[in-house]
């Protein structure tokens, strides 16, 4: 869950819209937004 959320953040930071990310990943835009806001934050991996 942490990894999935991180990848979405990184792709968005590279300039992709959430709609584009959803299309390429085979998910709905609503699901992408849900993943962005649920689960553990990616920066926790700084600790391990």
ModelCIF file with pLDDT and N, C-alpha, C, O atoms, coordinates in Angstrom:
data_MODEL
#
_entry.id   MODEL 
#
_entity.id                         1 
_entity.type                       polymer 
_entity.pdbx_number_of_molecules   1 
#
_entity_poly.entity_id                      1 
_entity_poly.type                           'polypeptide(L)' 
_entity_poly.nstd_linkage                   no 
_entity_poly.nstd_monomer                   no 
_entity_poly.pdbx_seq_one_letter_code       
;(UNK)(UNK)(UNK)(UNK)(UNK)(UNK)(UNK)(UNK)(UNK)(UNK)(UNK)(UNK)(UNK)(UNK)(UNK)(UNK)
(UNK)(UNK)(UNK)(UNK)(UNK)(UNK)(UNK)(UNK)(UNK)(UNK)(UNK)(UNK)(UNK)(UNK)(UNK)(UNK)
(UNK)(UNK)(UNK)(UNK)(UNK)(UNK)(UNK)(UNK)(UNK)(UNK)(UNK)(UNK)(UNK)(UNK)(UNK)(UNK)
;
_entity_poly.pdbx_seq_one_letter_code_can   XXXXXXXXXXXXXXXXXXXXXXXXXXXXXXXXXXXXXXXXXXXXXXXX 
_entity_poly.pdbx_strand_id                 A 
#
loop_
_entity_poly_seq.entity_id 
_entity_poly_seq.num 
_entity_poly_seq.mon_id 
_entity_poly_seq.hetero 
1 1  UNK n 
1 2  UNK n 
1 3  UNK n 
1 4  UNK n 
1 5  UNK n 
1 6  UNK n 
1 7  UNK n 
1 8  UNK n 
1 9  UNK n 
1 10 UNK n 
1 11 UNK n 
1 12 UNK n 
1 13 UNK n 
1 14 UNK n 
1 15 UNK n 
1 16 UNK n 
1 17 UNK n 
1 18 UNK n 
1 19 UNK n 
1 20 UNK n 
1 21 UNK n 
1 22 UNK n 
1 23 UNK n 
1 24 UNK n 
1 25 UNK n 
1 26 UNK n 
1 27 UNK n 
1 28 UNK n 
1 29 UNK n 
1 30 UNK n 
1 31 UNK n 
1 32 UNK n 
1 33 UNK n 
1 34 UNK n 
1 35 UNK n 
1 36 UNK n 
1 37 UNK n 
1 38 UNK n 
1 39 UNK n 
1 40 UNK n 
1 41 UNK n 
1 42 UNK n 
1 43 UNK n 
1 44 UNK n 
1 45 UNK n 
1 46 UNK n 
1 47 UNK n 
1 48 UNK n 
#
_struct_asym.id          A 
_struct_asym.entity_id   1 
#
loop_
_ma_qa_metric.id 
_ma_qa_metric.mode 
_ma_qa_metric.name 
_ma_qa_metric.software_group_id 
_ma_qa_metric.type 
1 global pLDDT . pLDDT 
2 local  pLDDT . pLDDT 
#
_ma_qa_metric_global.metric_id      1 
_ma_qa_metric_global.metric_value   81.04 
_ma_qa_metric_global.model_id       1 
_ma_qa_metric_global.ordinal_id     1 
#
loop_
_ma_qa_metric_local.label_asym_id 
_ma_qa_metric_local.label_comp_id 
_ma_qa_metric_local.label_seq_id 
_ma_qa_metric_local.metric_id 
_ma_qa_metric_local.metric_value 
_ma_qa_metric_local.model_id 
_ma_qa_metric_local.ordinal_id 
A UNK 1  2 76.00 1 1  
A UNK 2  2 74.00 1 2  
A UNK 3  2 79.00 1 3  
A UNK 4  2 83.00 1 4  
A UNK 5  2 78.00 1 5  
A UNK 6  2 77.00 1 6  
A UNK 7  2 83.00 1 7  
A UNK 8  2 81.00 1 8  
A UNK 9  2 76.00 1 9  
A UNK 10 2 79.00 1 10 
A UNK 11 2 83.00 1 11 
A UNK 12 2 74.00 1 12 
A UNK 13 2 78.00 1 13 
A UNK 14 2 83.00 1 14 
A UNK 15 2 87.00 1 15 
A UNK 16 2 81.00 1 16 
A UNK 17 2 84.00 1 17 
A UNK 18 2 81.00 1 18 
A UNK 19 2 84.00 1 19 
A UNK 20 2 84.00 1 20 
A UNK 21 2 84.00 1 21 
A UNK 22 2 83.00 1 22 
A UNK 23 2 84.00 1 23 
A UNK 24 2 84.00 1 24 
A UNK 25 2 83.00 1 25 
A UNK 26 2 85.00 1 26 
A UNK 27 2 81.00 1 27 
A UNK 28 2 81.00 1 28 
A UNK 29 2 81.00 1 29 
A UNK 30 2 79.00 1 30 
A UNK 31 2 83.00 1 31 
A UNK 32 2 78.00 1 32 
A UNK 33 2 75.00 1 33 
A UNK 34 2 76.00 1 34 
A UNK 35 2 77.00 1 35 
A UNK 36 2 76.00 1 36 
A UNK 37 2 74.00 1 37 
A UNK 38 2 71.00 1 38 
A UNK 39 2 67.00 1 39 
A UNK 40 2 75.00 1 40 
A UNK 41 2 78.00 1 41 
A UNK 42 2 84.00 1 42 
A UNK 43 2 88.00 1 43 
A UNK 44 2 89.00 1 44 
A UNK 45 2 89.00 1 45 
A UNK 46 2 94.00 1 46 
A UNK 47 2 95.00 1 47 
A UNK 48 2 91.00 1 48 
#
loop_
_atom_site.group_PDB 
_atom_site.id 
_atom_site.type_symbol 
_atom_site.label_atom_id 
_atom_site.label_alt_id 
_atom_site.label_comp_id 
_atom_site.label_asym_id 
_atom_site.label_entity_id 
_atom_site.label_seq_id 
_atom_site.pdbx_PDB_ins_code 
_atom_site.Cartn_x 
_atom_site.Cartn_y 
_atom_site.Cartn_z 
_atom_site.occupancy 
_atom_site.B_iso_or_equiv 
_atom_site.pdbx_formal_charge 
_atom_site.auth_seq_id 
_atom_site.auth_comp_id 
_atom_site.auth_asym_id 
_atom_site.auth_atom_id 
_atom_site.pdbx_PDB_model_num 
ATOM 1   N N  . UNK A 1 1  ? 0.829   -1.202 0.000   1.00 76.00 ? 1  UNK A N  1 
ATOM 2   C CA . UNK A 1 1  ? 0.000   0.000  0.000   1.00 76.00 ? 1  UNK A CA 1 
ATOM 3   C C  . UNK A 1 1  ? 0.861   1.250  0.000   1.00 76.00 ? 1  UNK A C  1 
ATOM 4   O O  . UNK A 1 1  ? 0.569   2.217  -0.703  1.00 76.00 ? 1  UNK A O  1 
ATOM 5   N N  . UNK A 1 2  ? 1.941   1.224  0.805   1.00 74.00 ? 2  UNK A N  1 
ATOM 6   C CA . UNK A 1 2  ? 2.861   2.358  0.856   1.00 74.00 ? 2  UNK A CA 1 
ATOM 7   C C  . UNK A 1 2  ? 3.539   2.562  -0.500  1.00 74.00 ? 2  UNK A C  1 
ATOM 8   O O  . UNK A 1 2  ? 3.680   3.691  -0.971  1.00 74.00 ? 2  UNK A O  1 
ATOM 9   N N  . UNK A 1 3  ? 3.956   1.456  -1.119  1.00 79.00 ? 3  UNK A N  1 
ATOM 10  C CA . UNK A 1 3  ? 4.632   1.523  -2.410  1.00 79.00 ? 3  UNK A CA 1 
ATOM 11  C C  . UNK A 1 3  ? 3.703   2.047  -3.496  1.00 79.00 ? 3  UNK A C  1 
ATOM 12  O O  . UNK A 1 3  ? 4.110   2.859  -4.327  1.00 79.00 ? 3  UNK A O  1 
ATOM 13  N N  . UNK A 1 4  ? 2.477   1.593  -3.491  1.00 83.00 ? 4  UNK A N  1 
ATOM 14  C CA . UNK A 1 4  ? 1.494   2.023  -4.488  1.00 83.00 ? 4  UNK A CA 1 
ATOM 15  C C  . UNK A 1 4  ? 1.225   3.521  -4.375  1.00 83.00 ? 4  UNK A C  1 
ATOM 16  O O  . UNK A 1 4  ? 1.167   4.231  -5.379  1.00 83.00 ? 4  UNK A O  1 
ATOM 17  N N  . UNK A 1 5  ? 1.063   3.986  -3.155  1.00 78.00 ? 5  UNK A N  1 
ATOM 18  C CA . UNK A 1 5  ? 0.818   5.409  -2.933  1.00 78.00 ? 5  UNK A CA 1 
ATOM 19  C C  . UNK A 1 5  ? 2.024   6.245  -3.374  1.00 78.00 ? 5  UNK A C  1 
ATOM 20  O O  . UNK A 1 5  ? 1.870   7.325  -3.944  1.00 78.00 ? 5  UNK A O  1 
ATOM 21  N N  . UNK A 1 6  ? 3.222   5.726  -3.099  1.00 77.00 ? 6  UNK A N  1 
ATOM 22  C CA . UNK A 1 6  ? 4.446   6.445  -3.489  1.00 77.00 ? 6  UNK A CA 1 
ATOM 23  C C  . UNK A 1 6  ? 4.568   6.570  -4.999  1.00 77.00 ? 6  UNK A C  1 
ATOM 24  O O  . UNK A 1 6  ? 4.914   7.634  -5.513  1.00 77.00 ? 6  UNK A O  1 
ATOM 25  N N  . UNK A 1 7  ? 4.285   5.490  -5.707  1.00 83.00 ? 7  UNK A N  1 
ATOM 26  C CA . UNK A 1 7  ? 4.401   5.508  -7.169  1.00 83.00 ? 7  UNK A CA 1 
ATOM 27  C C  . UNK A 1 7  ? 3.435   6.518  -7.774  1.00 83.00 ? 7  UNK A C  1 
ATOM 28  O O  . UNK A 1 7  ? 3.785   7.233  -8.713  1.00 83.00 ? 7  UNK A O  1 
ATOM 29  N N  . UNK A 1 8  ? 2.216   6.576  -7.235  1.00 81.00 ? 8  UNK A N  1 
ATOM 30  C CA . UNK A 1 8  ? 1.247   7.547  -7.746  1.00 81.00 ? 8  UNK A CA 1 
ATOM 31  C C  . UNK A 1 8  ? 1.756   8.966  -7.525  1.00 81.00 ? 8  UNK A C  1 
ATOM 32  O O  . UNK A 1 8  ? 1.649   9.808  -8.417  1.00 81.00 ? 8  UNK A O  1 
ATOM 33  N N  . UNK A 1 9  ? 2.312   9.238  -6.342  1.00 76.00 ? 9  UNK A N  1 
ATOM 34  C CA . UNK A 1 9  ? 2.854   10.569 -6.068  1.00 76.00 ? 9  UNK A CA 1 
ATOM 35  C C  . UNK A 1 9  ? 3.996   10.907 -7.015  1.00 76.00 ? 9  UNK A C  1 
ATOM 36  O O  . UNK A 1 9  ? 4.085   12.028 -7.517  1.00 76.00 ? 9  UNK A O  1 
ATOM 37  N N  . UNK A 1 10 ? 4.873   9.929  -7.257  1.00 79.00 ? 10 UNK A N  1 
ATOM 38  C CA . UNK A 1 10 ? 6.024   10.174 -8.124  1.00 79.00 ? 10 UNK A CA 1 
ATOM 39  C C  . UNK A 1 10 ? 5.589   10.421 -9.567  1.00 79.00 ? 10 UNK A C  1 
ATOM 40  O O  . UNK A 1 10 ? 6.122   11.312 -10.228 1.00 79.00 ? 10 UNK A O  1 
ATOM 41  N N  . UNK A 1 11 ? 4.636   9.649  -10.057 1.00 83.00 ? 11 UNK A N  1 
ATOM 42  C CA . UNK A 1 11 ? 4.145   9.838  -11.423 1.00 83.00 ? 11 UNK A CA 1 
ATOM 43  C C  . UNK A 1 11 ? 3.467   11.198 -11.572 1.00 83.00 ? 11 UNK A C  1 
ATOM 44  O O  . UNK A 1 11 ? 3.637   11.878 -12.584 1.00 83.00 ? 11 UNK A O  1 
ATOM 45  N N  . UNK A 1 12 ? 2.698   11.585 -10.555 1.00 74.00 ? 12 UNK A N  1 
ATOM 46  C CA . UNK A 1 12 ? 2.036   12.883 -10.616 1.00 74.00 ? 12 UNK A CA 1 
ATOM 47  C C  . UNK A 1 12 ? 3.064   14.014 -10.587 1.00 74.00 ? 12 UNK A C  1 
ATOM 48  O O  . UNK A 1 12 ? 2.903   15.023 -11.275 1.00 74.00 ? 12 UNK A O  1 
ATOM 49  N N  . UNK A 1 13 ? 4.130   13.842 -9.781  1.00 78.00 ? 13 UNK A N  1 
ATOM 50  C CA . UNK A 1 13 ? 5.177   14.858 -9.709  1.00 78.00 ? 13 UNK A CA 1 
ATOM 51  C C  . UNK A 1 13 ? 5.930   14.989 -11.033 1.00 78.00 ? 13 UNK A C  1 
ATOM 52  O O  . UNK A 1 13 ? 6.492   16.041 -11.337 1.00 78.00 ? 13 UNK A O  1 
ATOM 53  N N  . UNK A 1 14 ? 5.932   13.902 -11.820 1.00 83.00 ? 14 UNK A N  1 
ATOM 54  C CA . UNK A 1 14 ? 6.585   13.932 -13.138 1.00 83.00 ? 14 UNK A CA 1 
ATOM 55  C C  . UNK A 1 14 ? 5.716   14.611 -14.197 1.00 83.00 ? 14 UNK A C  1 
ATOM 56  O O  . UNK A 1 14 ? 6.151   14.786 -15.335 1.00 83.00 ? 14 UNK A O  1 
ATOM 57  N N  . UNK A 1 15 ? 4.488   14.994 -13.830 1.00 87.00 ? 15 UNK A N  1 
ATOM 58  C CA . UNK A 1 15 ? 3.641   15.729 -14.749 1.00 87.00 ? 15 UNK A CA 1 
ATOM 59  C C  . UNK A 1 15 ? 2.427   14.988 -15.263 1.00 87.00 ? 15 UNK A C  1 
ATOM 60  O O  . UNK A 1 15 ? 1.637   15.559 -16.014 1.00 87.00 ? 15 UNK A O  1 
ATOM 61  N N  . UNK A 1 16 ? 2.253   13.722 -14.878 1.00 81.00 ? 16 UNK A N  1 
ATOM 62  C CA . UNK A 1 16 ? 1.077   12.973 -15.325 1.00 81.00 ? 16 UNK A CA 1 
ATOM 63  C C  . UNK A 1 16 ? -0.140  13.360 -14.492 1.00 81.00 ? 16 UNK A C  1 
ATOM 64  O O  . UNK A 1 16 ? -0.044  13.549 -13.280 1.00 81.00 ? 16 UNK A O  1 
ATOM 65  N N  . UNK A 1 17 ? -1.270  13.474 -15.152 1.00 84.00 ? 17 UNK A N  1 
ATOM 66  C CA . UNK A 1 17 ? -2.505  13.731 -14.425 1.00 84.00 ? 17 UNK A CA 1 
ATOM 67  C C  . UNK A 1 17 ? -2.982  12.424 -13.794 1.00 84.00 ? 17 UNK A C  1 
ATOM 68  O O  . UNK A 1 17 ? -2.560  11.337 -14.190 1.00 84.00 ? 17 UNK A O  1 
ATOM 69  N N  . UNK A 1 18 ? -3.866  12.549 -12.809 1.00 81.00 ? 18 UNK A N  1 
ATOM 70  C CA . UNK A 1 18 ? -4.404  11.355 -12.178 1.00 81.00 ? 18 UNK A CA 1 
ATOM 71  C C  . UNK A 1 18 ? -5.244  10.549 -13.169 1.00 81.00 ? 18 UNK A C  1 
ATOM 72  O O  . UNK A 1 18 ? -5.312  9.323  -13.075 1.00 81.00 ? 18 UNK A O  1 
ATOM 73  N N  . UNK A 1 19 ? -5.877  11.229 -14.108 1.00 84.00 ? 19 UNK A N  1 
ATOM 74  C CA . UNK A 1 19 ? -6.631  10.529 -15.143 1.00 84.00 ? 19 UNK A CA 1 
ATOM 75  C C  . UNK A 1 19 ? -5.700  9.694  -16.018 1.00 84.00 ? 19 UNK A C  1 
ATOM 76  O O  . UNK A 1 19 ? -6.033  8.564  -16.376 1.00 84.00 ? 19 UNK A O  1 
ATOM 77  N N  . UNK A 1 20 ? -4.537  10.241 -16.363 1.00 84.00 ? 20 UNK A N  1 
ATOM 78  C CA . UNK A 1 20 ? -3.563  9.501  -17.171 1.00 84.00 ? 20 UNK A CA 1 
ATOM 79  C C  . UNK A 1 20 ? -3.023  8.301  -16.402 1.00 84.00 ? 20 UNK A C  1 
ATOM 80  O O  . UNK A 1 20 ? -2.892  7.207  -16.951 1.00 84.00 ? 20 UNK A O  1 
ATOM 81  N N  . UNK A 1 21 ? -2.715  8.515  -15.139 1.00 84.00 ? 21 UNK A N  1 
ATOM 82  C CA . UNK A 1 21 ? -2.204  7.413  -14.315 1.00 84.00 ? 21 UNK A CA 1 
ATOM 83  C C  . UNK A 1 21 ? -3.239  6.299  -14.229 1.00 84.00 ? 21 UNK A C  1 
ATOM 84  O O  . UNK A 1 21 ? -2.905  5.120  -14.342 1.00 84.00 ? 21 UNK A O  1 
ATOM 85  N N  . UNK A 1 22 ? -4.499  6.680  -14.027 1.00 83.00 ? 22 UNK A N  1 
ATOM 86  C CA . UNK A 1 22 ? -5.577  5.698  -13.926 1.00 83.00 ? 22 UNK A CA 1 
ATOM 87  C C  . UNK A 1 22 ? -5.702  4.897  -15.214 1.00 83.00 ? 22 UNK A C  1 
ATOM 88  O O  . UNK A 1 22 ? -5.836  3.674  -15.182 1.00 83.00 ? 22 UNK A O  1 
ATOM 89  N N  . UNK A 1 23 ? -5.658  5.593  -16.352 1.00 84.00 ? 23 UNK A N  1 
ATOM 90  C CA . UNK A 1 23 ? -5.812  4.918  -17.641 1.00 84.00 ? 23 UNK A CA 1 
ATOM 91  C C  . UNK A 1 23 ? -4.690  3.915  -17.869 1.00 84.00 ? 23 UNK A C  1 
ATOM 92  O O  . UNK A 1 23 ? -4.937  2.778  -18.270 1.00 84.00 ? 23 UNK A O  1 
ATOM 93  N N  . UNK A 1 24 ? -3.435  4.348  -17.608 1.00 84.00 ? 24 UNK A N  1 
ATOM 94  C CA . UNK A 1 24 ? -2.297  3.457  -17.862 1.00 84.00 ? 24 UNK A CA 1 
ATOM 95  C C  . UNK A 1 24 ? -2.266  2.274  -16.895 1.00 84.00 ? 24 UNK A C  1 
ATOM 96  O O  . UNK A 1 24 ? -1.800  1.189  -17.241 1.00 84.00 ? 24 UNK A O  1 
ATOM 97  N N  . UNK A 1 25 ? -2.771  2.500  -15.673 1.00 83.00 ? 25 UNK A N  1 
ATOM 98  C CA . UNK A 1 25 ? -2.742  1.431  -14.671 1.00 83.00 ? 25 UNK A CA 1 
ATOM 99  C C  . UNK A 1 25 ? -3.967  0.533  -14.737 1.00 83.00 ? 25 UNK A C  1 
ATOM 100 O O  . UNK A 1 25 ? -4.039  -0.469 -14.026 1.00 83.00 ? 25 UNK A O  1 
ATOM 101 N N  . UNK A 1 26 ? -4.943  0.887  -15.595 1.00 85.00 ? 26 UNK A N  1 
ATOM 102 C CA . UNK A 1 26 ? -6.154  0.094  -15.686 1.00 85.00 ? 26 UNK A CA 1 
ATOM 103 C C  . UNK A 1 26 ? -7.066  0.255  -14.490 1.00 85.00 ? 26 UNK A C  1 
ATOM 104 O O  . UNK A 1 26 ? -7.805  -0.665 -14.137 1.00 85.00 ? 26 UNK A O  1 
ATOM 105 N N  . UNK A 1 27 ? -7.016  1.446  -13.848 1.00 81.00 ? 27 UNK A N  1 
ATOM 106 C CA . UNK A 1 27 ? -7.854  1.726  -12.691 1.00 81.00 ? 27 UNK A CA 1 
ATOM 107 C C  . UNK A 1 27 ? -8.728  2.940  -12.988 1.00 81.00 ? 27 UNK A C  1 
ATOM 108 O O  . UNK A 1 27 ? -8.483  3.675  -13.945 1.00 81.00 ? 27 UNK A O  1 
ATOM 109 N N  . UNK A 1 28 ? -9.731  3.139  -12.173 1.00 81.00 ? 28 UNK A N  1 
ATOM 110 C CA . UNK A 1 28 ? -10.554 4.331  -12.341 1.00 81.00 ? 28 UNK A CA 1 
ATOM 111 C C  . UNK A 1 28 ? -9.869  5.520  -11.686 1.00 81.00 ? 28 UNK A C  1 
ATOM 112 O O  . UNK A 1 28 ? -9.029  5.360  -10.800 1.00 81.00 ? 28 UNK A O  1 
ATOM 113 N N  . UNK A 1 29 ? -10.240 6.716  -12.132 1.00 81.00 ? 29 UNK A N  1 
ATOM 114 C CA . UNK A 1 29 ? -9.676  7.922  -11.525 1.00 81.00 ? 29 UNK A CA 1 
ATOM 115 C C  . UNK A 1 29 ? -10.061 8.006  -10.051 1.00 81.00 ? 29 UNK A C  1 
ATOM 116 O O  . UNK A 1 29 ? -9.262  8.443  -9.222  1.00 81.00 ? 29 UNK A O  1 
ATOM 117 N N  . UNK A 1 30 ? -11.280 7.590  -9.726  1.00 79.00 ? 30 UNK A N  1 
ATOM 118 C CA . UNK A 1 30 ? -11.712 7.595  -8.336  1.00 79.00 ? 30 UNK A CA 1 
ATOM 119 C C  . UNK A 1 30 ? -10.859 6.679  -7.473  1.00 79.00 ? 30 UNK A C  1 
ATOM 120 O O  . UNK A 1 30 ? -10.538 7.004  -6.330  1.00 79.00 ? 30 UNK A O  1 
ATOM 121 N N  . UNK A 1 31 ? -10.490 5.516  -8.039  1.00 83.00 ? 31 UNK A N  1 
ATOM 122 C CA . UNK A 1 31 ? -9.647  4.584  -7.285  1.00 83.00 ? 31 UNK A CA 1 
ATOM 123 C C  . UNK A 1 31 ? -8.263  5.169  -7.041  1.00 83.00 ? 31 UNK A C  1 
ATOM 124 O O  . UNK A 1 31 ? -7.698  4.996  -5.961  1.00 83.00 ? 31 UNK A O  1 
ATOM 125 N N  . UNK A 1 32 ? -7.711  5.865  -8.042  1.00 78.00 ? 32 UNK A N  1 
ATOM 126 C CA . UNK A 1 32 ? -6.403  6.500  -7.882  1.00 78.00 ? 32 UNK A CA 1 
ATOM 127 C C  . UNK A 1 32 ? -6.458  7.530  -6.767  1.00 78.00 ? 32 UNK A C  1 
ATOM 128 O O  . UNK A 1 32 ? -5.557  7.584  -5.929  1.00 78.00 ? 32 UNK A O  1 
ATOM 129 N N  . UNK A 1 33 ? -7.499  8.345  -6.746  1.00 75.00 ? 33 UNK A N  1 
ATOM 130 C CA . UNK A 1 33 ? -7.646  9.342  -5.687  1.00 75.00 ? 33 UNK A CA 1 
ATOM 131 C C  . UNK A 1 33 ? -7.790  8.669  -4.327  1.00 75.00 ? 33 UNK A C  1 
ATOM 132 O O  . UNK A 1 33 ? -7.268  9.169  -3.330  1.00 75.00 ? 33 UNK A O  1 
ATOM 133 N N  . UNK A 1 34 ? -8.487  7.550  -4.279  1.00 76.00 ? 34 UNK A N  1 
ATOM 134 C CA . UNK A 1 34 ? -8.651  6.831  -3.021  1.00 76.00 ? 34 UNK A CA 1 
ATOM 135 C C  . UNK A 1 34 ? -7.300  6.315  -2.516  1.00 76.00 ? 34 UNK A C  1 
ATOM 136 O O  . UNK A 1 34 ? -6.991  6.429  -1.329  1.00 76.00 ? 34 UNK A O  1 
ATOM 137 N N  . UNK A 1 35 ? -6.508  5.754  -3.410  1.00 77.00 ? 35 UNK A N  1 
ATOM 138 C CA . UNK A 1 35 ? -5.193  5.233  -3.031  1.00 77.00 ? 35 UNK A CA 1 
ATOM 139 C C  . UNK A 1 35 ? -4.300  6.357  -2.503  1.00 77.00 ? 35 UNK A C  1 
ATOM 140 O O  . UNK A 1 35 ? -3.539  6.166  -1.555  1.00 77.00 ? 35 UNK A O  1 
ATOM 141 N N  . UNK A 1 36 ? -4.405  7.542  -3.138  1.00 76.00 ? 36 UNK A N  1 
ATOM 142 C CA . UNK A 1 36 ? -3.585  8.683  -2.732  1.00 76.00 ? 36 UNK A CA 1 
ATOM 143 C C  . UNK A 1 36 ? -3.811  9.077  -1.287  1.00 76.00 ? 36 UNK A C  1 
ATOM 144 O O  . UNK A 1 36 ? -2.899  9.584  -0.633  1.00 76.00 ? 36 UNK A O  1 
ATOM 145 N N  . UNK A 1 37 ? -4.998  8.853  -0.784  1.00 74.00 ? 37 UNK A N  1 
ATOM 146 C CA . UNK A 1 37 ? -5.352  9.380  0.534   1.00 74.00 ? 37 UNK A CA 1 
ATOM 147 C C  . UNK A 1 37 ? -5.556  8.299  1.581   1.00 74.00 ? 37 UNK A C  1 
ATOM 148 O O  . UNK A 1 37 ? -5.981  8.602  2.696   1.00 74.00 ? 37 UNK A O  1 
ATOM 149 N N  . UNK A 1 38 ? -5.266  7.060  1.258   1.00 71.00 ? 38 UNK A N  1 
ATOM 150 C CA . UNK A 1 38 ? -5.432  5.983  2.227   1.00 71.00 ? 38 UNK A CA 1 
ATOM 151 C C  . UNK A 1 38 ? -4.135  5.201  2.327   1.00 71.00 ? 38 UNK A C  1 
ATOM 152 O O  . UNK A 1 38 ? -3.280  5.265  1.443   1.00 71.00 ? 38 UNK A O  1 
ATOM 153 N N  . UNK A 1 39 ? -4.007  4.463  3.420   1.00 67.00 ? 39 UNK A N  1 
ATOM 154 C CA . UNK A 1 39 ? -2.812  3.663  3.605   1.00 67.00 ? 39 UNK A CA 1 
ATOM 155 C C  . UNK A 1 39 ? -1.670  4.491  4.181   1.00 67.00 ? 39 UNK A C  1 
ATOM 156 O O  . UNK A 1 39 ? -1.780  5.711  4.301   1.00 67.00 ? 39 UNK A O  1 
ATOM 157 N N  . UNK A 1 40 ? -0.577  3.827  4.538   1.00 75.00 ? 40 UNK A N  1 
ATOM 158 C CA . UNK A 1 40 ? 0.547   4.522  5.170   1.00 75.00 ? 40 UNK A CA 1 
ATOM 159 C C  . UNK A 1 40 ? 1.242   5.477  4.207   1.00 75.00 ? 40 UNK A C  1 
ATOM 160 O O  . UNK A 1 40 ? 1.359   5.191  3.015   1.00 75.00 ? 40 UNK A O  1 
ATOM 161 N N  . UNK A 1 41 ? 1.699   6.607  4.727   1.00 78.00 ? 41 UNK A N  1 
ATOM 162 C CA . UNK A 1 41 ? 2.371   7.612  3.905   1.00 78.00 ? 41 UNK A CA 1 
ATOM 163 C C  . UNK A 1 41 ? 3.716   7.087  3.416   1.00 78.00 ? 41 UNK A C  1 
ATOM 164 O O  . UNK A 1 41 ? 4.412   6.399  4.163   1.00 78.00 ? 41 UNK A O  1 
ATOM 165 N N  . UNK A 1 42 ? 4.093   7.395  2.183   1.00 84.00 ? 42 UNK A N  1 
ATOM 166 C CA . UNK A 1 42 ? 5.348   6.892  1.622   1.00 84.00 ? 42 UNK A CA 1 
ATOM 167 C C  . UNK A 1 42 ? 6.579   7.291  2.411   1.00 84.00 ? 42 UNK A C  1 
ATOM 168 O O  . UNK A 1 42 ? 7.541   6.526  2.480   1.00 84.00 ? 42 UNK A O  1 
ATOM 169 N N  . UNK A 1 43 ? 6.567   8.501  3.021   1.00 88.00 ? 43 UNK A N  1 
ATOM 170 C CA . UNK A 1 43 ? 7.769   8.974  3.704   1.00 88.00 ? 43 UNK A CA 1 
ATOM 171 C C  . UNK A 1 43 ? 8.133   8.151  4.925   1.00 88.00 ? 43 UNK A C  1 
ATOM 172 O O  . UNK A 1 43 ? 9.235   8.290  5.455   1.00 88.00 ? 43 UNK A O  1 
ATOM 173 N N  . UNK A 1 44 ? 7.216   7.282  5.387   1.00 89.00 ? 44 UNK A N  1 
ATOM 174 C CA . UNK A 1 44 ? 7.560   6.396  6.480   1.00 89.00 ? 44 UNK A CA 1 
ATOM 175 C C  . UNK A 1 44 ? 8.722   5.483  6.137   1.00 89.00 ? 44 UNK A C  1 
ATOM 176 O O  . UNK A 1 44 ? 9.440   5.021  7.024   1.00 89.00 ? 44 UNK A O  1 
ATOM 177 N N  . UNK A 1 45 ? 8.908   5.219  4.835   1.00 89.00 ? 45 UNK A N  1 
ATOM 178 C CA . UNK A 1 45 ? 10.008  4.353  4.398   1.00 89.00 ? 45 UNK A CA 1 
ATOM 179 C C  . UNK A 1 45 ? 11.364  4.975  4.676   1.00 89.00 ? 45 UNK A C  1 
ATOM 180 O O  . UNK A 1 45 ? 12.382  4.287  4.589   1.00 89.00 ? 45 UNK A O  1 
ATOM 181 N N  . UNK A 1 46 ? 11.404  6.270  5.011   1.00 94.00 ? 46 UNK A N  1 
ATOM 182 C CA . UNK A 1 46 ? 12.674  6.882  5.437   1.00 94.00 ? 46 UNK A CA 1 
ATOM 183 C C  . UNK A 1 46 ? 13.233  6.150  6.648   1.00 94.00 ? 46 UNK A C  1 
ATOM 184 O O  . UNK A 1 46 ? 14.449  6.029  6.799   1.00 94.00 ? 46 UNK A O  1 
ATOM 185 N N  . UNK A 1 47 ? 12.345  5.662  7.509   1.00 95.00 ? 47 UNK A N  1 
ATOM 186 C CA . UNK A 1 47 ? 12.762  4.937  8.710   1.00 95.00 ? 47 UNK A CA 1 
ATOM 187 C C  . UNK A 1 47 ? 13.048  3.474  8.429   1.00 95.00 ? 47 UNK A C  1 
ATOM 188 O O  . UNK A 1 47 ? 13.828  2.846  9.144   1.00 95.00 ? 47 UNK A O  1 
ATOM 189 N N  . UNK A 1 48 ? 12.420  2.919  7.382   1.00 91.00 ? 48 UNK A N  1 
ATOM 190 C CA . UNK A 1 48 ? 12.597  1.518  7.041   1.00 91.00 ? 48 UNK A CA 1 
ATOM 191 C C  . UNK A 1 48 ? 11.291  0.942  6.545   1.00 91.00 ? 48 UNK A C  1 
ATOM 192 O O  . UNK A 1 48 ? 11.227  -0.239 6.203   1.00 91.00 ? 48 UNK A O  1 
#
